[in-house]
């Protein structure tokens, strides 16, 4: 009689523990099922990407913005189309900041020695690379009154030192 009472108590305790475990799992599952989906994070047109000395940078790794500092309508759009056709990643186009004056073309970059800046400049003829910090992401090309056109340039640029480039985000 004592054995059957102990067996009954043991069975009751096991069933109680299992019932609590099922209730907790159900509550956790309900909470997970009714939680909102995570929002997609907008990282912008490019993200800082480390580049090691000696590594190659390709046009598909470089986001380019083209701004028009001339009176020639559509110059930035034409230059952007040519750069995208060469494999660069499209940033944005528009007009250069007020007061920007230049004859041909400049490449603005936060790091004058960045391989991404050298690669873009190689496609722009006599482009001058200017170290300039802006709120505009990527490499910024400023076209002037006498900017002829995008020419054939290098297929890659080798990093001369460890650094950072602004590459398109991986989705």
Protein backbone atom coordinates (compact mmCIF):
# COMPACT_ATOMS: atom_id res chain seq x y z
CA UNK A 1 0.00 0.00 0.00
CA UNK A 2 2.86 2.34 0.80
CA UNK A 3 4.50 1.44 -2.55
CA UNK A 4 1.38 2.32 -4.51
CA UNK A 5 1.07 5.66 -2.65
CA UNK A 6 4.69 6.52 -3.42
CA UNK A 7 4.24 5.52 -7.05
CA UNK A 8 1.14 7.70 -7.29
CA UNK A 9 2.94 10.67 -5.69
CA UNK A 10 5.93 10.23 -7.98
CA UNK A 11 3.61 10.12 -11.03
CA UNK A 12 1.80 13.25 -9.83
CA UNK A 13 5.11 15.16 -9.39
CA UNK A 14 6.37 14.14 -12.84
CA UNK A 15 3.10 15.18 -14.46
CA UNK A 16 3.10 18.50 -12.58
CA UNK A 17 6.68 19.28 -13.70
CA UNK A 18 5.82 18.39 -17.30
CA UNK A 19 2.66 20.57 -17.17
CA UNK A 20 4.70 23.55 -15.92
CA UNK A 21 7.32 22.97 -18.65
CA UNK A 22 4.62 22.82 -21.36
CA UNK A 23 2.98 25.99 -19.97
CA UNK A 24 6.33 27.87 -19.96
CA UNK A 25 7.17 26.69 -23.49
CA UNK A 26 3.70 27.73 -24.67
CA UNK A 27 4.06 31.19 -23.11
CA UNK A 28 7.51 31.66 -24.69
CA UNK A 29 6.21 30.45 -28.07
CA UNK A 30 3.20 32.78 -27.92
CA UNK A 31 5.43 35.74 -27.06
CA UNK A 32 7.83 34.92 -29.93
CA UNK A 33 4.95 34.40 -32.38
CA UNK A 34 3.21 37.69 -31.57
CA UNK A 35 6.37 39.84 -31.40
CA UNK A 36 6.79 42.31 -34.31
CA UNK A 37 9.24 41.41 -37.05
CA UNK A 38 12.59 43.18 -36.83
CA UNK A 39 12.75 46.31 -38.96
CA UNK A 40 15.16 46.46 -41.87
CA UNK A 41 18.00 48.75 -40.91
CA UNK A 42 18.90 51.36 -43.52
CA UNK A 43 22.68 51.46 -43.51
CA UNK A 44 22.88 54.04 -46.26
CA UNK A 45 24.48 53.78 -49.67
CA UNK A 46 27.81 52.53 -48.34
CA UNK A 47 29.49 51.14 -45.27
CA UNK A 48 33.07 51.58 -44.07
CA UNK A 49 35.04 48.53 -45.16
CA UNK A 50 38.61 47.76 -44.07
CA UNK A 51 41.21 47.23 -46.80
CA UNK A 52 44.56 45.59 -46.09
CA UNK A 53 47.83 46.76 -47.63
CA UNK A 54 48.41 45.05 -50.97
CA UNK A 55 44.79 44.03 -51.54
CA UNK A 56 43.00 44.94 -54.76
CA UNK A 57 39.98 47.27 -54.85
CA UNK A 58 37.53 46.83 -57.72
CA UNK A 59 34.98 49.29 -59.13
CA UNK A 60 32.14 47.12 -57.75
CA UNK A 61 33.46 47.94 -54.25
CA UNK A 62 33.36 51.72 -54.73
CA UNK A 63 30.30 53.95 -54.27
CA UNK A 64 30.55 57.14 -56.34
CA UNK A 65 28.58 60.39 -56.12
CA UNK A 66 28.88 62.89 -58.97
CA UNK A 67 28.15 66.59 -58.46
CA UNK A 68 28.04 69.23 -61.18
CA UNK A 69 29.96 72.46 -60.55
CA UNK A 70 29.42 73.71 -64.12
CA UNK A 71 26.65 75.43 -66.02
CA UNK A 72 26.36 72.41 -68.35
CA UNK A 73 23.03 70.74 -67.60
CA UNK A 74 23.09 66.98 -67.14
CA UNK A 75 26.87 66.72 -66.84
CA UNK A 76 26.77 64.87 -63.51
CA UNK A 77 24.17 62.41 -64.82
CA UNK A 78 26.22 61.64 -67.94
CA UNK A 79 29.39 61.15 -65.90
CA UNK A 80 27.52 58.92 -63.42
CA UNK A 81 26.14 56.77 -66.25
CA UNK A 82 29.64 56.28 -67.65
CA UNK A 83 31.08 55.40 -64.23
CA UNK A 84 28.29 52.91 -63.52
CA UNK A 85 28.89 51.38 -66.98
CA UNK A 86 32.54 50.97 -65.90
CA UNK A 87 31.38 48.96 -62.87
CA UNK A 88 31.27 51.57 -60.10
CA UNK A 89 28.31 51.62 -57.71
CA UNK A 90 25.87 54.51 -58.12
CA UNK A 91 25.66 56.92 -55.22
CA UNK A 92 23.78 60.08 -56.11
CA UNK A 93 23.99 62.96 -58.57
CA UNK A 94 23.26 66.63 -58.17
CA UNK A 95 24.79 70.05 -58.04
CA UNK A 96 28.03 70.84 -56.23
CA UNK A 97 27.87 73.03 -53.12
CA UNK A 98 27.48 76.74 -53.85
CA UNK A 99 30.74 78.48 -54.58
CA UNK A 100 32.49 75.35 -55.86
CA UNK A 101 34.51 76.43 -58.86
CA UNK A 102 36.92 74.32 -60.88
CA UNK A 103 37.98 73.91 -64.49
CA UNK A 104 37.88 70.17 -65.14
CA UNK A 105 37.32 67.58 -62.42
CA UNK A 106 38.20 66.80 -58.80
CA UNK A 107 37.82 63.69 -56.69
CA UNK A 108 36.90 64.46 -53.07
CA UNK A 109 37.75 61.83 -50.49
CA UNK A 110 38.33 61.74 -46.73
CA UNK A 111 41.62 59.88 -47.34
CA UNK A 112 43.81 61.10 -50.22
CA UNK A 113 45.68 57.77 -50.26
CA UNK A 114 42.55 55.59 -50.45
CA UNK A 115 42.76 53.09 -53.32
CA UNK A 116 39.10 53.79 -54.10
CA UNK A 117 39.93 57.46 -54.83
CA UNK A 118 42.86 56.50 -57.07
CA UNK A 119 40.67 54.01 -58.94
CA UNK A 120 37.93 56.58 -59.61
CA UNK A 121 40.48 59.26 -60.58
CA UNK A 122 42.03 56.89 -63.14
CA UNK A 123 38.74 57.03 -65.08
CA UNK A 124 38.61 60.84 -65.11
CA UNK A 125 41.67 61.90 -67.07
CA UNK A 126 43.50 64.68 -65.25
CA UNK A 127 41.42 64.48 -62.07
CA UNK A 128 42.92 66.05 -58.98
CA UNK A 129 42.40 64.07 -55.75
CA UNK A 130 41.48 66.41 -52.91
CA UNK A 131 41.37 65.29 -49.28
CA UNK A 132 38.08 66.72 -48.09
CA UNK A 133 35.66 65.53 -45.45
CA UNK A 134 32.01 65.84 -46.47
CA UNK A 135 28.66 64.45 -45.35
CA UNK A 136 28.37 62.80 -48.77
CA UNK A 137 29.15 59.07 -48.56
CA UNK A 138 31.63 57.40 -50.88
CA UNK A 139 33.96 58.98 -53.39
CA UNK A 140 32.70 62.36 -54.64
CA UNK A 141 33.43 63.46 -58.20
CA UNK A 142 33.00 67.19 -58.92
CA UNK A 143 32.71 68.05 -62.62
CA UNK A 144 33.74 71.52 -63.82
CA UNK A 145 33.10 73.58 -66.96
CA UNK A 146 35.82 71.87 -69.02
CA UNK A 147 35.26 68.30 -67.91
CA UNK A 148 35.52 66.32 -71.15
CA UNK A 149 34.20 62.84 -70.31
CA UNK A 150 34.86 59.64 -68.40
CA UNK A 151 37.78 57.81 -70.01
CA UNK A 152 39.02 54.25 -69.74
CA UNK A 153 40.77 53.68 -66.45
CA UNK A 154 42.29 51.01 -64.25
CA UNK A 155 40.39 47.79 -63.56
CA UNK A 156 41.70 47.66 -59.97
CA UNK A 157 43.74 49.72 -57.53
CA UNK A 158 46.15 48.24 -55.02
CA UNK A 159 46.03 49.50 -51.43
CA UNK A 160 49.38 51.04 -50.47
CA UNK A 161 48.52 50.84 -46.77
CA UNK A 162 45.84 49.51 -44.47
CA UNK A 163 42.80 51.74 -44.66
CA UNK A 164 39.06 52.05 -45.17
CA UNK A 165 36.86 52.41 -48.23
CA UNK A 166 33.14 53.06 -48.46
CA UNK A 167 31.63 49.96 -50.11
CA UNK A 168 28.02 49.17 -50.94
CA UNK A 169 26.22 47.26 -48.17
CA UNK A 170 25.75 43.52 -48.57
CA UNK A 171 22.06 42.65 -48.54
